[in-house]
Protein backbone atom coordinates (compact mmCIF):
# COMPACT_ATOMS: atom_id res chain seq x y z
CA MET A 1 -113.22 -6.16 67.70
CA PRO A 2 -117.02 -6.60 67.51
CA ASP A 3 -118.71 -8.24 64.53
CA PHE A 4 -120.82 -5.81 62.54
CA PRO A 5 -124.04 -6.96 60.88
CA PHE A 6 -123.58 -7.66 57.17
CA ASP A 7 -126.07 -4.94 56.18
CA VAL A 8 -124.06 -2.35 58.14
CA ILE A 9 -120.82 -3.45 56.47
CA VAL A 10 -122.44 -3.09 53.06
CA VAL A 11 -123.56 0.47 53.82
CA ILE A 12 -120.08 1.40 54.99
CA LEU A 13 -118.40 -0.09 51.89
CA LEU A 14 -120.80 1.63 49.51
CA ARG A 15 -119.84 5.01 50.97
CA LEU A 16 -116.07 4.53 50.54
CA PRO A 17 -114.14 5.78 47.47
CA VAL A 18 -112.14 3.34 45.34
CA LYS A 19 -108.63 3.92 46.79
CA PRO A 20 -109.50 2.92 50.38
CA LEU A 21 -111.33 -0.13 49.04
CA LEU A 22 -108.18 -1.24 47.22
CA ARG A 23 -106.20 -0.98 50.48
CA PHE A 24 -108.59 -3.41 52.11
CA SER A 25 -109.01 -5.73 49.10
CA LEU A 26 -108.02 -8.82 51.11
CA ILE A 27 -110.80 -8.15 53.60
CA LEU A 28 -113.31 -7.40 50.84
CA GLU A 29 -112.70 -10.81 49.29
CA ASN A 30 -114.97 -12.28 51.98
CA TYR A 31 -117.95 -10.17 50.98
CA THR A 32 -120.04 -10.34 47.80
CA LEU A 33 -123.32 -8.62 46.91
CA SER A 34 -125.80 -10.82 45.03
CA SER A 35 -129.27 -9.32 45.47
CA VAL A 36 -130.74 -6.44 43.52
CA ASN A 37 -132.35 -3.31 44.89
CA PHE A 38 -134.91 -2.48 42.18
CA GLU A 39 -135.41 1.05 43.56
CA SER A 40 -131.85 1.99 42.57
CA LEU A 41 -132.12 0.92 38.92
CA ASP A 42 -133.06 4.48 37.85
CA ASN A 43 -129.65 5.67 39.06
CA ALA A 44 -127.67 3.65 36.50
CA VAL A 45 -124.77 5.49 34.85
CA GLU A 46 -122.79 4.83 31.68
CA LEU A 47 -119.13 3.93 32.22
CA ASP A 48 -116.28 4.76 29.87
CA ASN A 49 -114.87 1.32 29.15
CA PRO A 50 -111.23 0.83 28.03
CA LEU A 51 -112.24 -0.33 24.52
CA LYS A 52 -114.68 2.47 23.88
CA SER A 53 -114.61 3.74 20.27
CA ASP A 54 -116.53 6.34 18.34
CA ASP A 55 -116.63 4.04 15.31
CA PHE A 56 -117.30 0.55 16.72
CA LEU A 57 -119.52 -1.08 19.32
CA THR A 58 -118.08 -2.57 22.49
CA VAL A 59 -119.81 -5.83 23.56
CA ILE A 60 -119.78 -7.57 26.95
CA LEU A 61 -118.75 -11.22 26.55
CA GLY A 62 -119.33 -12.17 30.20
CA SER A 63 -118.77 -11.17 33.80
CA CYS A 64 -117.49 -12.94 36.91
CA ASP A 65 -116.52 -11.78 40.42
CA GLY A 66 -116.75 -8.14 39.39
CA LEU A 67 -114.62 -8.58 36.27
CA ILE A 68 -116.09 -7.88 32.82
CA CYS A 69 -114.79 -9.36 29.57
CA LEU A 70 -115.14 -6.98 26.59
CA ILE A 71 -114.64 -7.07 22.83
CA ASN A 72 -114.47 -4.18 20.38
CA ASN A 73 -116.40 -5.47 17.36
CA GLY A 74 -114.53 -3.42 14.79
CA GLU A 75 -110.93 -3.59 15.93
CA ARG A 76 -111.34 -7.12 17.41
CA GLU A 77 -109.64 -6.10 20.65
CA LEU A 78 -110.38 -8.15 23.80
CA ALA A 79 -109.94 -7.01 27.39
CA ILE A 80 -110.76 -8.05 30.96
CA TRP A 81 -111.78 -4.99 32.96
CA ASN A 82 -112.53 -4.23 36.59
CA PRO A 83 -114.88 -1.20 36.49
CA SER A 84 -114.54 -0.64 40.28
CA THR A 85 -110.75 -0.19 40.14
CA ARG A 86 -110.49 0.81 36.46
CA ARG A 87 -107.78 -1.81 36.00
CA CYS A 88 -107.68 -3.44 32.60
CA GLN A 89 -105.81 -6.33 31.00
CA LYS A 90 -105.83 -6.43 27.21
CA LEU A 91 -105.61 -9.89 25.71
CA PRO A 92 -102.94 -10.87 23.19
CA PHE A 93 -103.94 -11.53 19.59
CA THR A 94 -104.58 -15.14 18.55
CA GLU A 95 -104.46 -16.48 14.97
CA ASP A 96 -107.51 -18.19 13.46
CA GLU A 97 -106.90 -21.76 12.28
CA TYR A 98 -109.26 -22.58 9.42
CA PRO A 99 -108.91 -25.91 7.60
CA GLY A 100 -109.05 -26.15 3.81
CA TYR A 101 -112.63 -27.41 3.76
CA ALA A 102 -114.02 -24.34 5.58
CA THR A 103 -116.40 -22.12 3.60
CA GLY A 104 -118.76 -19.24 4.24
CA ALA A 105 -118.66 -16.65 6.99
CA PRO A 106 -117.71 -18.15 10.37
CA HIS A 107 -119.44 -17.16 13.58
CA GLU A 108 -117.80 -16.72 16.97
CA ILE A 109 -119.24 -17.56 20.41
CA TYR A 110 -117.52 -16.65 23.70
CA GLY A 111 -117.71 -17.55 27.37
CA PHE A 112 -115.93 -16.09 30.40
CA GLY A 113 -115.59 -17.53 33.91
CA TYR A 114 -113.48 -18.54 36.89
CA ASP A 115 -111.68 -21.86 37.41
CA SER A 116 -111.51 -22.31 41.20
CA VAL A 117 -109.12 -25.29 41.01
CA THR A 118 -106.32 -23.40 39.25
CA ASP A 119 -107.41 -19.96 40.60
CA ASP A 120 -107.56 -18.63 37.05
CA TYR A 121 -109.99 -16.62 34.94
CA LYS A 122 -110.56 -18.08 31.47
CA LEU A 123 -112.13 -16.92 28.21
CA ALA A 124 -113.31 -19.59 25.77
CA ARG A 125 -113.59 -18.69 22.09
CA PHE A 126 -115.58 -21.01 19.82
CA VAL A 127 -115.35 -20.49 16.04
CA GLN A 128 -117.70 -22.51 13.82
CA PHE A 129 -117.99 -22.60 10.02
CA LEU A 130 -119.64 -24.56 7.22
CA ARG A 131 -117.90 -27.43 5.47
CA ARG A 132 -117.37 -27.14 1.72
CA ASP A 133 -117.93 -30.89 1.25
CA ASP A 134 -121.17 -31.17 3.29
CA ARG A 135 -123.44 -28.15 3.72
CA ASP A 136 -125.37 -29.78 6.59
CA SER A 137 -122.16 -30.33 8.56
CA PHE A 138 -119.86 -27.90 10.26
CA GLY A 139 -116.33 -27.55 11.53
CA SER A 140 -114.95 -25.70 14.51
CA PHE A 141 -111.93 -24.82 16.53
CA VAL A 142 -111.81 -23.75 20.19
CA LYS A 143 -109.22 -21.67 21.99
CA VAL A 144 -108.99 -20.87 25.70
CA TYR A 145 -107.31 -17.80 27.15
CA SER A 146 -105.75 -18.05 30.62
CA MET A 147 -105.47 -14.82 32.56
CA LYS A 148 -102.80 -16.32 34.80
CA SER A 149 -100.46 -17.14 31.89
CA ASN A 150 -101.76 -14.32 29.63
CA SER A 151 -101.81 -16.74 26.69
CA TRP A 152 -104.09 -18.69 24.36
CA ARG A 153 -104.04 -22.38 23.58
CA ARG A 154 -106.14 -24.62 21.40
CA ILE A 155 -108.22 -27.43 22.92
CA GLU A 156 -110.47 -30.19 21.57
CA ASP A 157 -113.03 -29.11 18.96
CA PHE A 158 -116.65 -28.58 20.09
CA PRO A 159 -118.83 -31.52 18.91
CA TYR A 160 -122.17 -29.64 18.84
CA TYR A 161 -123.55 -26.89 16.66
CA LEU A 162 -123.91 -23.58 18.54
CA HIS A 163 -127.10 -21.80 17.62
CA CYS A 164 -126.55 -18.05 17.89
CA GLU A 165 -129.47 -17.21 20.21
CA ARG A 166 -126.86 -16.17 22.76
CA PHE A 167 -123.52 -14.62 21.83
CA CYS A 168 -122.05 -15.47 25.26
CA GLY A 169 -122.07 -18.60 27.40
CA VAL A 170 -124.12 -18.81 30.60
CA LEU A 171 -121.85 -19.32 33.64
CA VAL A 172 -123.12 -21.69 36.35
CA CYS A 173 -121.07 -23.87 38.71
CA SER A 174 -117.74 -23.22 36.96
CA ALA A 175 -119.14 -24.28 33.60
CA LEU A 176 -120.29 -22.36 30.53
CA HIS A 177 -123.55 -23.34 28.80
CA TRP A 178 -125.15 -22.93 25.38
CA VAL A 179 -128.20 -24.23 23.52
CA VAL A 180 -126.97 -26.61 20.82
CA GLY A 181 -128.00 -29.10 18.12
CA ARG A 182 -126.20 -32.04 16.61
CA ASN A 183 -125.94 -30.35 13.19
CA LEU A 184 -127.20 -27.33 11.27
CA SER A 185 -130.63 -28.80 10.48
CA ASP A 186 -131.22 -30.10 14.01
CA THR A 187 -133.63 -28.32 16.33
CA ALA A 188 -131.67 -26.57 19.08
CA ASN A 189 -133.10 -28.55 21.97
CA SER A 190 -130.04 -29.59 23.99
CA VAL A 191 -127.88 -27.74 26.55
CA ALA A 192 -124.14 -28.28 26.32
CA ALA A 193 -121.69 -27.41 29.09
CA PHE A 194 -117.98 -26.58 28.93
CA ASP A 195 -116.24 -27.30 32.25
CA LEU A 196 -113.69 -24.56 32.93
CA THR A 197 -111.52 -26.85 35.06
CA SER A 198 -111.39 -30.09 33.06
CA GLU A 199 -112.01 -28.24 29.75
CA ASP A 200 -114.27 -30.98 28.46
CA TYR A 201 -117.82 -30.97 27.12
CA LYS A 202 -121.04 -32.63 28.25
CA LEU A 203 -124.81 -32.43 27.78
CA VAL A 204 -126.88 -31.25 30.73
CA PRO A 205 -129.90 -33.42 31.71
CA GLN A 206 -133.22 -31.70 31.07
CA PRO A 207 -136.61 -31.71 32.79
CA GLU A 208 -139.48 -33.89 31.55
CA PHE A 209 -141.44 -31.40 29.46
CA SER A 210 -145.13 -31.99 28.86
CA ASP A 211 -144.59 -30.93 25.22
CA ASN A 212 -141.60 -29.94 23.10
CA THR A 213 -143.27 -27.33 20.88
CA PHE A 214 -141.20 -24.39 22.11
CA ARG A 215 -138.02 -22.49 21.39
CA MET A 216 -135.35 -23.04 24.03
CA ASN A 217 -133.11 -20.49 25.65
CA ILE A 218 -131.04 -20.55 28.87
CA ALA A 219 -130.04 -18.18 31.64
CA GLU A 220 -128.66 -18.01 35.20
CA LEU A 221 -130.83 -17.02 38.14
CA GLY A 222 -129.63 -16.94 41.74
CA GLY A 223 -126.68 -19.22 40.95
CA CYS A 224 -128.88 -21.79 39.19
CA LEU A 225 -129.14 -22.85 35.56
CA CYS A 226 -132.49 -21.94 33.95
CA ILE A 227 -134.17 -23.29 30.85
CA LEU A 228 -136.60 -20.91 29.19
CA CYS A 229 -139.32 -22.53 27.09
CA ASN A 230 -140.76 -19.96 24.68
CA HIS A 231 -144.18 -21.16 23.47
CA ASN A 232 -144.62 -18.79 20.54
CA LYS A 233 -147.16 -16.00 21.20
CA VAL A 234 -148.48 -17.86 24.25
CA ARG A 235 -146.09 -17.88 27.23
CA VAL A 236 -142.55 -18.46 28.48
CA ASP A 237 -141.98 -21.15 31.13
CA VAL A 238 -138.95 -20.72 33.42
CA TRP A 239 -137.42 -23.93 34.78
CA VAL A 240 -134.64 -23.90 37.44
CA MET A 241 -132.15 -26.67 38.22
CA LYS A 242 -131.83 -26.49 42.00
CA ASP A 243 -129.05 -29.08 42.30
CA TYR A 244 -126.66 -28.68 39.38
CA GLY A 245 -126.35 -31.77 37.19
CA VAL A 246 -129.23 -33.61 38.90
CA LYS A 247 -132.11 -34.20 36.49
CA GLU A 248 -134.67 -34.69 39.27
CA SER A 249 -133.91 -31.26 40.73
CA TRP A 250 -135.52 -29.33 37.87
CA LYS A 251 -138.49 -27.22 39.02
CA LYS A 252 -140.83 -25.07 37.01
CA LEU A 253 -140.49 -21.72 38.76
CA PHE A 254 -143.04 -19.56 36.96
CA SER A 255 -144.57 -18.70 33.58
CA VAL A 256 -144.97 -15.35 31.82
CA ALA A 257 -148.10 -15.10 29.65
CA GLN A 258 -147.82 -12.96 26.53
CA PRO A 259 -150.55 -10.33 26.85
CA GLU A 260 -151.18 -10.36 30.58
CA VAL A 261 -147.93 -9.07 32.12
CA ILE A 262 -146.09 -7.03 29.53
CA ARG A 263 -146.42 -6.04 25.90
CA SER A 264 -145.95 -8.71 23.21
CA PHE A 265 -142.39 -10.11 23.28
CA LYS A 266 -140.17 -12.55 21.43
CA PHE A 267 -138.54 -13.78 24.63
CA VAL A 268 -137.71 -12.85 28.23
CA ILE A 269 -134.66 -13.71 30.30
CA PRO A 270 -134.53 -13.61 34.14
CA LEU A 271 -131.64 -11.54 35.51
CA ALA A 272 -131.91 -11.56 39.31
CA TYR A 273 -134.11 -11.97 42.34
CA SER A 274 -135.10 -8.85 44.22
CA LYS A 275 -133.63 -8.28 47.68
CA SER A 276 -136.87 -9.53 49.26
CA GLY A 277 -136.94 -12.60 47.01
CA VAL A 278 -140.56 -12.10 45.90
CA GLU A 279 -139.77 -10.40 42.58
CA VAL A 280 -137.72 -11.34 39.55
CA LEU A 281 -136.10 -8.83 37.23
CA LEU A 282 -136.55 -9.80 33.57
CA VAL A 283 -135.02 -8.43 30.39
CA GLN A 284 -137.41 -8.38 27.45
CA ASP A 285 -136.10 -8.83 23.90
CA TYR A 286 -132.73 -7.35 25.00
CA GLU A 287 -134.51 -3.97 25.03
CA ARG A 288 -136.18 -3.25 28.37
CA LEU A 289 -136.20 -4.35 32.01
CA VAL A 290 -139.40 -5.69 33.54
CA CYS A 291 -140.05 -6.25 37.24
CA LEU A 292 -142.25 -9.31 37.70
CA VAL A 293 -144.06 -10.54 40.84
CA PRO A 294 -144.97 -14.04 39.66
CA LEU A 295 -145.31 -16.07 42.83
CA TYR A 296 -146.96 -16.17 46.20
CA GLY A 297 -145.88 -15.59 49.79
CA ARG A 298 -143.53 -13.04 51.32
CA GLY A 299 -139.77 -13.21 51.77
CA ALA A 300 -139.15 -16.00 49.28
CA LEU A 301 -140.23 -17.39 45.97
CA LEU A 302 -142.45 -20.44 45.81
CA ASP A 303 -142.23 -23.15 43.19
CA GLU A 304 -145.12 -25.17 41.74
CA GLN A 305 -145.34 -27.36 44.84
CA GLY A 306 -145.41 -24.33 47.18
CA GLU A 307 -141.90 -25.03 48.39
CA THR A 308 -139.90 -21.99 49.50
CA TYR A 309 -137.19 -21.13 47.02
CA GLY A 310 -135.15 -17.96 46.59
CA PRO A 311 -131.81 -16.23 47.11
CA ASP A 312 -131.91 -16.77 50.89
CA LYS A 313 -132.58 -20.50 50.62
CA ASP A 314 -129.52 -22.43 51.80
CA ASP A 315 -129.51 -25.46 49.51
CA LYS A 316 -127.13 -27.57 47.51
CA ARG A 317 -127.35 -25.43 44.39
CA LYS A 318 -124.99 -22.72 45.65
CA GLU A 319 -121.57 -22.69 44.06
CA LYS A 320 -118.40 -22.94 46.09
CA ASP A 321 -117.54 -19.46 47.29
CA THR A 322 -114.76 -17.84 45.30
CA PRO A 323 -112.96 -14.62 46.20
CA ASN A 324 -113.76 -11.36 44.48
CA LYS A 325 -110.46 -11.12 42.62
CA MET A 326 -108.78 -7.89 41.61
CA ILE A 327 -106.73 -7.51 38.43
CA ASN A 328 -103.14 -6.76 39.31
CA SER A 329 -101.32 -4.02 37.48
CA ARG A 330 -99.13 -5.34 34.69
């Protein structure tokens, strides 16, 4: 049987209905789509998700390999959903475990991802609260849901304070990431990682910034961890870690000036490279999408040193390939 070009296979798969795709799910595990065709963004449609309610908002906690983790904010239901197959697995309820010194309203942070070692999808739930005995300190408890066992279990408490700039963790290289501080009064200027396999915590090395007078945020772009440096009312610098965990691999990819590219914004977050690699799709203030052409050259992005860098670049940063899993009927 002859080998078809990848682009031809993609066109064929896009024209097939869901049922035939399910029949060939083992074959489809070898193919993933990672680039974005900006011309098709106007054709987006709203999907009826399994937790949809007329009274409460449904929030996406994360996505991985075509699976989406959802929460219904009012009824506190959680589910892992495959919108392509419409299969859904609702998560069992888990009790909160507050100690006696907890006070005030707690806040919850989530992260969803795939553990390639155990071939399992996991949801991490971090709950943090103030301490009655020390208002500058905090307490926490962490629980991890395993899709394979369909159960929750408690793990070691998180030692850093999660600032609520992002409700969900950023998934890169089988680890979830958040911007953190040591305590409530600390500036949020560190990036903590939760390893989905070992289930331990660590701080990620950062680039050498020329100044630290910015507000930090993080994102994922092309499989890489990004640090976003928001210099208030001036610009946002986007740094990319090309080789995960290696401090020297940080590169400043581009900057977005406040008045020159788009209307005034609080922050921007990169979502994806274009198919050609010369554009980046940004989300502005969680409200609107912006297509940016920040760099030079054709066919790939260029970093500060003029080095080619983009979705087609075959470098060490790429994660180990994992299959596009399907949720089995329960």
